[in-house]
Amino acid sequence: GNIWIIRQEGIARYGLLSFPFESKREVRLEPMKRIQARALSGTMKRMDDEATIISLGQGVQINYHVEIVVDSILLRLFGLPFFRYEVEKQFQDMAKEMTRRHANFESFGKQMARQDCQHEMGT
């Protein structure tokens, strides 16, 4: 379906700091339109985020909004730069992966076109 429950745990690092975390989140998908998530339990007192996807001809625009309430004094002090860093890193990693997949897809398409051409020519 379009509603998922996702559980994560690990250690997030930012410079010399590290934060153990755990999270259980409800994620709602509206394919090609929106992704909404909210924390059900975990390290964050509250975390709600939403990514909206807007088609722009040959590309897309992604608008991301997050609201976070933390319990930890350490996260209150360093939370904003840490979360900004993590979100930027995640979006950069997604962009790299999409670029890689697009290149592989184009390469596959060219290879298939060459095979079709060779097949039609009887080689």
C-alpha atoms as a PDB file:
ATOM      1  CA  GLY A   1       0.000   0.000   0.000  1.00  0.00           C
ATOM      2  CA  ASN A   2       0.861   3.640   0.255  1.00  0.00           C
ATOM      3  CA  ILE A   3       1.319   3.718   4.039  1.00  0.00           C
ATOM      4  CA  TRP A   4       4.478   2.235   5.524  1.00  0.00           C
ATOM      5  CA  ILE A   5       5.782   1.862   9.063  1.00  0.00           C
ATOM      6  CA  ILE A   6       9.576   2.189   9.072  1.00  0.00           C
ATOM      7  CA  ARG A   7      11.872   1.468  12.007  1.00  0.00           C
ATOM      8  CA  GLN A   8      15.474   2.714  12.070  1.00  0.00           C
ATOM      9  CA  GLU A   9      18.252   2.765  14.619  1.00  0.00           C
ATOM     10  CA  GLY A  10      21.885   3.689  14.461  1.00  0.00           C
ATOM     11  CA  ILE A  11      24.420   6.390  15.156  1.00  0.00           C
ATOM     12  CA  ALA A  12      24.379   9.697  13.287  1.00  0.00           C
ATOM     13  CA  ARG A  13      27.691  11.561  13.090  1.00  0.00           C
ATOM     14  CA  TYR A  14      28.382  15.248  12.641  1.00  0.00           C
ATOM     15  CA  GLY A  15      32.023  16.275  12.938  1.00  0.00           C
ATOM     16  CA  LEU A  16      33.312  14.991  16.271  1.00  0.00           C
ATOM     17  CA  LEU A  17      29.796  14.544  17.630  1.00  0.00           C
ATOM     18  CA  SER A  18      27.731  11.410  17.385  1.00  0.00           C
ATOM     19  CA  PHE A  19      24.115  10.846  18.303  1.00  0.00           C
ATOM     20  CA  PRO A  20      22.551   7.421  18.821  1.00  0.00           C
ATOM     21  CA  PHE A  21      19.038   7.402  17.425  1.00  0.00           C
ATOM     22  CA  GLU A  22      16.039   5.221  16.946  1.00  0.00           C
ATOM     23  CA  SER A  23      12.906   5.989  15.065  1.00  0.00           C
ATOM     24  CA  LYS A  24       9.586   4.417  14.215  1.00  0.00           C
ATOM     25  CA  ARG A  25       7.803   6.448  11.545  1.00  0.00           C
ATOM     26  CA  GLU A  26       4.619   6.325   9.549  1.00  0.00           C
ATOM     27  CA  VAL A  27       5.282   7.238   5.919  1.00  0.00           C
ATOM     28  CA  ARG A  28       2.425   8.081   3.546  1.00  0.00           C
ATOM     29  CA  LEU A  29       3.133   8.085  -0.187  1.00  0.00           C
ATOM     30  CA  GLU A  30       1.216   9.886  -2.891  1.00  0.00           C
ATOM     31  CA  PRO A  31       3.250   8.661  -5.892  1.00  0.00           C
ATOM     32  CA  MET A  32       4.784  11.458  -7.956  1.00  0.00           C
ATOM     33  CA  LYS A  33       3.170  14.092  -5.682  1.00  0.00           C
ATOM     34  CA  ARG A  34       4.037  13.906  -2.003  1.00  0.00           C
ATOM     35  CA  ILE A  35       5.753  11.967   0.780  1.00  0.00           C
ATOM     36  CA  GLN A  36       4.609  12.648   4.342  1.00  0.00           C
ATOM     37  CA  ALA A  37       6.165  11.148   7.456  1.00  0.00           C
ATOM     38  CA  ARG A  38       5.596  11.462  11.169  1.00  0.00           C
ATOM     39  CA  ALA A  39       7.419   9.969  14.112  1.00  0.00           C
ATOM     40  CA  LEU A  40       5.441   7.399  16.071  1.00  0.00           C
ATOM     41  CA  SER A  41       8.207   6.823  18.623  1.00  0.00           C
ATOM     42  CA  GLY A  42      11.942   7.161  19.055  1.00  0.00           C
ATOM     43  CA  THR A  43      14.657   9.635  19.963  1.00  0.00           C
ATOM     44  CA  MET A  44      12.792  12.697  18.708  1.00  0.00           C
ATOM     45  CA  LYS A  45       9.962  14.012  20.822  1.00  0.00           C
ATOM     46  CA  ARG A  46       8.193  14.960  17.579  1.00  0.00           C
ATOM     47  CA  MET A  47       9.177  14.887  13.920  1.00  0.00           C
ATOM     48  CA  ASP A  48       6.882  15.584  10.983  1.00  0.00           C
ATOM     49  CA  ASP A  49       8.152  16.082   7.474  1.00  0.00           C
ATOM     50  CA  GLU A  50       6.790  16.426   3.994  1.00  0.00           C
ATOM     51  CA  ALA A  51       8.343  16.415   0.545  1.00  0.00           C
ATOM     52  CA  THR A  52       6.222  17.674  -2.341  1.00  0.00           C
ATOM     53  CA  ILE A  53       7.225  16.901  -5.906  1.00  0.00           C
ATOM     54  CA  ILE A  54       6.380  19.397  -8.650  1.00  0.00           C
ATOM     55  CA  SER A  55       6.859  18.487 -12.309  1.00  0.00           C
ATOM     56  CA  LEU A  56       8.768  21.132 -14.287  1.00  0.00           C
ATOM     57  CA  GLY A  57       8.849  19.975 -17.891  1.00  0.00           C
ATOM     58  CA  GLN A  58      12.154  18.101 -18.179  1.00  0.00           C
ATOM     59  CA  GLY A  59      12.733  17.919 -14.414  1.00  0.00           C
ATOM     60  CA  VAL A  60      11.183  18.171 -10.992  1.00  0.00           C
ATOM     61  CA  GLN A  61      11.283  20.501  -8.031  1.00  0.00           C
ATOM     62  CA  ILE A  62      11.244  18.988  -4.548  1.00  0.00           C
ATOM     63  CA  ASN A  63      10.071  21.157  -1.657  1.00  0.00           C
ATOM     64  CA  TYR A  64      10.954  19.757   1.757  1.00  0.00           C
ATOM     65  CA  HIS A  65       9.615  20.896   5.125  1.00  0.00           C
ATOM     66  CA  VAL A  66      10.376  19.372   8.518  1.00  0.00           C
ATOM     67  CA  GLU A  67       9.250  20.190  12.059  1.00  0.00           C
ATOM     68  CA  ILE A  68      11.289  18.671  14.891  1.00  0.00           C
ATOM     69  CA  VAL A  69      11.011  18.808  18.669  1.00  0.00           C
ATOM     70  CA  VAL A  70      13.919  17.234  20.573  1.00  0.00           C
ATOM     71  CA  ASP A  71      14.372  16.130  24.195  1.00  0.00           C
ATOM     72  CA  SER A  72      18.172  16.170  24.332  1.00  0.00           C
ATOM     73  CA  ILE A  73      20.056  19.297  25.441  1.00  0.00           C
ATOM     74  CA  LEU A  74      22.894  18.296  23.106  1.00  0.00           C
ATOM     75  CA  LEU A  75      20.502  18.141  20.145  1.00  0.00           C
ATOM     76  CA  ARG A  76      19.012  21.495  21.131  1.00  0.00           C
ATOM     77  CA  LEU A  77      22.500  23.019  20.945  1.00  0.00           C
ATOM     78  CA  PHE A  78      23.727  21.285  17.776  1.00  0.00           C
ATOM     79  CA  GLY A  79      20.486  20.046  16.230  1.00  0.00           C
ATOM     80  CA  LEU A  80      19.881  22.641  13.525  1.00  0.00           C
ATOM     81  CA  PRO A  81      23.288  22.384  11.792  1.00  0.00           C
ATOM     82  CA  PHE A  82      23.236  18.604  12.250  1.00  0.00           C
ATOM     83  CA  PHE A  83      19.786  18.164  10.681  1.00  0.00           C
ATOM     84  CA  ARG A  84      20.583  20.619   7.889  1.00  0.00           C
ATOM     85  CA  TYR A  85      23.749  18.630   7.121  1.00  0.00           C
ATOM     86  CA  GLU A  86      21.867  15.298   7.174  1.00  0.00           C
ATOM     87  CA  VAL A  87      19.046  16.516   4.907  1.00  0.00           C
ATOM     88  CA  GLU A  88      21.505  18.046   2.418  1.00  0.00           C
ATOM     89  CA  LYS A  89      23.554  14.842   2.398  1.00  0.00           C
ATOM     90  CA  GLN A  90      20.480  12.666   1.847  1.00  0.00           C
ATOM     91  CA  PHE A  91      19.261  14.802  -1.065  1.00  0.00           C
ATOM     92  CA  GLN A  92      22.775  14.904  -2.598  1.00  0.00           C
ATOM     93  CA  ASP A  93      23.004  11.114  -2.324  1.00  0.00           C
ATOM     94  CA  MET A  94      19.568  10.736  -3.946  1.00  0.00           C
ATOM     95  CA  ALA A  95      20.567  13.089  -6.782  1.00  0.00           C
ATOM     96  CA  LYS A  96      23.789  11.105  -7.391  1.00  0.00           C
ATOM     97  CA  GLU A  97      21.833   7.846  -7.474  1.00  0.00           C
ATOM     98  CA  MET A  98      19.229   9.272  -9.865  1.00  0.00           C
ATOM     99  CA  THR A  99      22.011  10.563 -12.140  1.00  0.00           C
ATOM    100  CA  ARG A 100      23.720   7.161 -12.050  1.00  0.00           C
ATOM    101  CA  ARG A 101      20.491   5.338 -12.867  1.00  0.00           C
ATOM    102  CA  HIS A 102      19.661   7.784 -15.656  1.00  0.00           C
ATOM    103  CA  ALA A 103      23.110   7.237 -17.227  1.00  0.00           C
ATOM    104  CA  ASN A 104      22.674   3.460 -16.955  1.00  0.00           C
ATOM    105  CA  PHE A 105      19.198   3.720 -18.481  1.00  0.00           C
ATOM    106  CA  GLU A 106      20.460   5.837 -21.405  1.00  0.00           C
ATOM    107  CA  SER A 107      23.368   3.444 -21.951  1.00  0.00           C
ATOM    108  CA  PHE A 108      20.964   0.483 -21.918  1.00  0.00           C
ATOM    109  CA  GLY A 109      18.663   2.272 -24.395  1.00  0.00           C
ATOM    110  CA  LYS A 110      21.561   2.949 -26.798  1.00  0.00           C
ATOM    111  CA  GLN A 111      22.716  -0.646 -26.512  1.00  0.00           C
ATOM    112  CA  MET A 112      19.198  -1.918 -27.292  1.00  0.00           C
ATOM    113  CA  ALA A 113      18.929   0.471 -30.274  1.00  0.00           C
ATOM    114  CA  ARG A 114      22.250  -0.852 -31.672  1.00  0.00           C
ATOM    115  CA  GLN A 115      21.045  -4.428 -31.243  1.00  0.00           C
ATOM    116  CA  ASP A 116      17.754  -3.625 -33.008  1.00  0.00           C
ATOM    117  CA  CYS A 117      19.649  -1.967 -35.849  1.00  0.00           C
ATOM    118  CA  GLN A 118      22.032  -4.920 -36.189  1.00  0.00           C
ATOM    119  CA  HIS A 119      19.110  -7.324 -36.102  1.00  0.00           C
ATOM    120  CA  GLU A 120      17.270  -5.423 -38.857  1.00  0.00           C
ATOM    121  CA  MET A 121      20.438  -5.395 -40.988  1.00  0.00           C
ATOM    122  CA  GLY A 122      20.784  -9.160 -40.580  1.00  0.00           C
ATOM    123  CA  THR A 123      24.105  -9.072 -38.727  1.00  0.00           C
END
